[in-house]
Protein backbone atom coordinates (compact mmCIF):
# COMPACT_ATOMS: atom_id res chain seq x y z
CA MET A 1 -25.79 103.99 -30.43
CA SER A 2 -25.77 101.57 -27.52
CA VAL A 3 -26.28 97.81 -27.61
CA ARG A 4 -28.11 95.97 -24.85
CA LEU A 5 -28.65 92.39 -23.81
CA GLY A 6 -30.91 90.61 -26.28
CA ASP A 7 -30.16 93.02 -29.15
CA ILE A 8 -28.89 91.67 -32.44
CA ALA A 9 -25.18 92.46 -32.62
CA PRO A 10 -24.63 95.13 -35.28
CA ASP A 11 -23.10 93.76 -38.47
CA PHE A 12 -20.13 95.48 -40.10
CA GLU A 13 -17.30 95.07 -42.58
CA ALA A 14 -13.75 95.66 -41.41
CA ASP A 15 -10.12 94.95 -42.18
CA THR A 16 -8.44 92.58 -39.72
CA THR A 17 -5.11 90.87 -39.28
CA GLU A 18 -6.71 87.84 -40.99
CA GLY A 19 -8.19 89.76 -43.94
CA ARG A 20 -11.37 91.69 -44.56
CA ILE A 21 -14.48 90.27 -42.92
CA ARG A 22 -18.22 90.78 -42.74
CA PHE A 23 -18.83 90.17 -39.08
CA HIS A 24 -22.00 88.06 -39.18
CA ASP A 25 -20.62 85.88 -41.98
CA TRP A 26 -17.33 85.44 -40.13
CA ALA A 27 -19.15 84.50 -36.91
CA GLY A 28 -21.23 81.83 -38.66
CA ASP A 29 -22.83 79.45 -36.17
CA HIS A 30 -20.28 80.14 -33.43
CA TRP A 31 -20.42 82.05 -30.19
CA VAL A 32 -18.23 85.17 -30.34
CA VAL A 33 -16.22 87.15 -27.82
CA LEU A 34 -15.66 90.65 -29.25
CA PHE A 35 -13.41 92.82 -27.13
CA SER A 36 -11.88 96.26 -27.64
CA HIS A 37 -8.48 97.72 -26.78
CA PRO A 38 -7.77 101.42 -26.17
CA LYS A 39 -4.85 101.44 -28.63
CA ASN A 40 -1.89 99.44 -29.90
CA TYR A 41 1.37 99.04 -28.00
CA THR A 42 -0.21 99.47 -24.58
CA PRO A 43 0.99 97.16 -21.80
CA VAL A 44 -2.32 95.91 -20.40
CA CYS A 45 -3.69 95.11 -23.87
CA THR A 46 -0.54 93.19 -24.72
CA THR A 47 -1.08 90.86 -21.75
CA GLU A 48 -4.78 90.41 -22.57
CA LEU A 49 -4.20 89.48 -26.20
CA GLY A 50 -1.49 87.00 -25.28
CA TYR A 51 -3.71 85.32 -22.69
CA THR A 52 -6.64 85.15 -25.11
CA ALA A 53 -4.40 83.40 -27.65
CA LYS A 54 -3.51 80.82 -24.99
CA LEU A 55 -7.23 80.14 -24.44
CA LYS A 56 -7.86 78.97 -28.01
CA GLY A 57 -8.32 75.34 -26.91
CA GLU A 58 -10.87 76.38 -24.29
CA PHE A 59 -12.72 78.55 -26.80
CA ASP A 60 -12.76 75.73 -29.35
CA LYS A 61 -14.34 73.36 -26.80
CA ARG A 62 -17.18 75.85 -26.39
CA ASN A 63 -17.64 76.67 -30.11
CA VAL A 64 -16.37 80.21 -29.48
CA LYS A 65 -14.47 82.57 -31.76
CA ALA A 66 -12.50 85.49 -30.32
CA ILE A 67 -12.00 88.78 -32.15
CA GLY A 68 -10.24 91.89 -30.88
CA LEU A 69 -10.46 95.53 -31.91
CA SER A 70 -8.10 98.48 -31.67
CA VAL A 71 -8.46 102.01 -33.02
CA ASP A 72 -5.22 101.84 -35.00
CA LYS A 73 -4.29 101.06 -38.59
CA LEU A 74 -3.82 97.53 -39.86
CA GLU A 75 -0.10 97.95 -40.50
CA ASP A 76 0.39 98.87 -36.84
CA HIS A 77 -1.35 95.66 -35.76
CA HIS A 78 1.26 93.43 -37.40
CA GLY A 79 4.18 94.97 -35.51
CA TRP A 80 2.26 94.77 -32.26
CA SER A 81 1.45 91.12 -32.93
CA ARG A 82 5.17 90.36 -32.97
CA ASP A 83 5.58 92.08 -29.60
CA ILE A 84 2.71 90.04 -28.15
CA GLU A 85 4.29 86.77 -29.23
CA GLU A 86 7.70 87.82 -27.93
CA THR A 87 6.54 89.03 -24.49
CA GLN A 88 3.58 86.72 -23.81
CA GLY A 89 4.79 83.49 -25.38
CA ALA A 90 1.75 83.13 -27.64
CA ALA A 91 1.14 84.32 -31.18
CA LEU A 92 -2.20 85.86 -32.12
CA ASN A 93 -4.50 83.11 -33.43
CA PHE A 94 -7.63 85.23 -33.87
CA PRO A 95 -8.37 88.38 -35.89
CA LEU A 96 -7.64 91.88 -34.63
CA ILE A 97 -9.87 94.53 -36.21
CA ALA A 98 -8.30 97.74 -37.48
CA ASP A 99 -10.84 100.43 -36.55
CA ALA A 100 -8.90 103.61 -37.25
CA ASP A 101 -12.06 105.44 -38.37
CA ARG A 102 -13.91 104.20 -35.24
CA THR A 103 -16.85 102.83 -37.24
CA VAL A 104 -17.13 99.65 -35.20
CA SER A 105 -16.29 101.39 -31.93
CA ASN A 106 -19.20 103.77 -32.43
CA LEU A 107 -21.57 100.97 -33.53
CA TYR A 108 -20.92 99.19 -30.23
CA ASP A 109 -20.63 102.33 -28.06
CA MET A 110 -17.04 101.51 -27.11
CA ILE A 111 -15.94 105.13 -26.75
CA HIS A 112 -17.01 106.81 -23.52
CA PRO A 113 -16.25 110.54 -23.85
CA ASN A 114 -16.08 111.20 -20.11
CA ALA A 115 -13.35 108.58 -19.82
CA ASN A 116 -11.55 109.41 -23.08
CA ASP A 117 -13.07 111.06 -26.13
CA THR A 118 -10.89 109.27 -28.69
CA LEU A 119 -9.96 105.83 -27.32
CA THR A 120 -12.14 102.84 -26.55
CA VAL A 121 -12.72 101.55 -23.06
CA ARG A 122 -12.20 97.83 -22.40
CA SER A 123 -15.52 96.56 -23.73
CA VAL A 124 -16.48 92.88 -23.96
CA PHE A 125 -19.44 91.45 -25.85
CA VAL A 126 -20.46 87.79 -25.82
CA ILE A 127 -22.65 87.04 -28.83
CA ASP A 128 -24.52 83.78 -29.40
CA PRO A 129 -24.95 81.88 -32.69
CA LYS A 130 -28.23 83.72 -33.34
CA LYS A 131 -26.19 86.96 -33.22
CA LYS A 132 -27.81 88.10 -29.98
CA ILE A 133 -25.84 90.03 -27.38
CA ARG A 134 -25.74 87.83 -24.28
CA LEU A 135 -23.16 89.64 -22.12
CA THR A 136 -21.67 93.12 -21.97
CA LEU A 137 -18.80 94.15 -19.73
CA THR A 138 -17.02 97.49 -19.51
CA TYR A 139 -13.69 97.91 -17.75
CA PRO A 140 -11.65 101.08 -17.31
CA ALA A 141 -8.58 101.34 -19.53
CA SER A 142 -6.25 100.78 -16.57
CA THR A 143 -7.69 97.40 -15.54
CA GLY A 144 -7.04 94.17 -17.41
CA ARG A 145 -10.01 91.90 -17.96
CA ASN A 146 -10.57 88.50 -16.36
CA PHE A 147 -10.94 86.11 -19.29
CA ASP A 148 -11.46 83.15 -16.97
CA GLU A 149 -14.64 84.91 -15.85
CA ILE A 150 -15.70 85.33 -19.47
CA LEU A 151 -15.29 81.58 -19.99
CA ARG A 152 -17.30 80.94 -16.83
CA VAL A 153 -20.17 83.08 -18.10
CA ILE A 154 -20.14 81.31 -21.47
CA ASP A 155 -20.36 77.97 -19.64
CA SER A 156 -23.36 79.30 -17.71
CA LEU A 157 -25.08 80.69 -20.81
CA GLN A 158 -24.63 77.49 -22.78
CA LEU A 159 -25.89 75.36 -19.90
CA THR A 160 -28.92 77.50 -19.10
CA ASP A 161 -29.88 77.68 -22.79
CA GLY A 162 -30.24 73.91 -22.78
CA TYR A 163 -31.93 73.34 -19.41
CA LYS A 164 -34.44 75.18 -17.21
CA VAL A 165 -31.80 76.13 -14.68
CA ALA A 166 -29.83 79.14 -13.51
CA THR A 167 -26.32 79.20 -12.04
CA PRO A 168 -25.63 80.50 -8.51
CA VAL A 169 -22.96 82.87 -7.26
CA ASN A 170 -19.40 81.93 -8.27
CA TRP A 171 -20.69 78.83 -10.09
CA ARG A 172 -18.22 76.68 -11.99
CA LYS A 173 -18.93 73.94 -14.51
CA GLY A 174 -19.83 70.72 -12.71
CA GLU A 175 -21.25 72.38 -9.60
CA ASP A 176 -24.90 72.37 -8.52
CA VAL A 177 -27.34 74.63 -10.34
CA ILE A 178 -30.73 76.15 -9.48
CA ILE A 179 -34.08 75.06 -10.90
CA VAL A 180 -35.71 78.24 -12.21
CA PRO A 181 -38.78 79.39 -10.24
CA ALA A 182 -41.02 79.11 -13.32
CA VAL A 183 -40.67 75.31 -13.19
CA SER A 184 -43.25 73.77 -10.84
CA ASN A 185 -42.37 70.86 -8.59
CA ASP A 186 -44.52 68.59 -10.74
CA ASP A 187 -42.63 69.59 -13.87
CA ALA A 188 -39.33 69.36 -12.00
CA LYS A 189 -40.02 65.69 -11.24
CA THR A 190 -40.04 65.04 -14.98
CA LEU A 191 -37.08 67.26 -15.79
CA PHE A 192 -34.96 66.18 -12.82
CA PRO A 193 -36.08 62.62 -11.95
CA LYS A 194 -33.20 62.10 -9.51
CA GLY A 195 -34.67 64.81 -7.30
CA TRP A 196 -33.32 68.03 -5.87
CA LYS A 197 -32.35 69.71 -2.63
CA GLU A 198 -34.93 72.30 -1.56
CA LEU A 199 -33.49 75.06 0.64
CA LYS A 200 -36.60 77.19 0.12
CA PRO A 201 -39.54 76.70 -2.25
CA TYR A 202 -37.87 79.18 -4.60
CA LEU A 203 -34.33 77.81 -4.09
CA ARG A 204 -33.99 74.24 -5.38
CA LEU A 205 -30.55 72.82 -6.16
CA VAL A 206 -29.76 70.02 -8.60
CA PRO A 207 -26.50 68.64 -9.97
CA ASP A 208 -25.17 70.17 -13.17
CA PRO A 209 -27.16 68.33 -15.91
CA ASN A 210 -24.04 68.18 -18.09
CA ALA A 211 -21.75 66.78 -15.38
């Protein structure tokens, strides 16, 4: 099974380091970042989990919950959690799914046989409060993910859900955004009464509405 943008994120039950959960119930009305790890006690994963723990304040500002997954048993997760705190200076503050039977990994197509037929690749899914998949990313096992980029995308998604705008290349919160082409100039005058900068009829820039 593969999941694509706009699909409803598959629901599941699983044991985690914070107890057994039903995913949709656990997510509630939050955004979710679900991300997989090839296996426990691997160096790149250790750095990723520590950094994600340090981002809790940033996630909270955005109404985001993080949840990790590894294809190992729950008892192995607890020992690894101690290593993460010791080496990265941050204790896990989000659940880590124990997916030893690969149920969740297969639901979300996290195992790519041509890369490795037993371990997950570094998958990332951003899921909105309506349980829709809004972002998918797949990294090779050897490359650590850029969680600052994941935050940037969430900022873009949350902004563009609320306004008829899109965000340009390398956009950061507070920078100018683009009026979507479907909005006519007449409608834009109502939506953006302070005006805009027109580079081309299809490329109209306005300040970030949330700035």
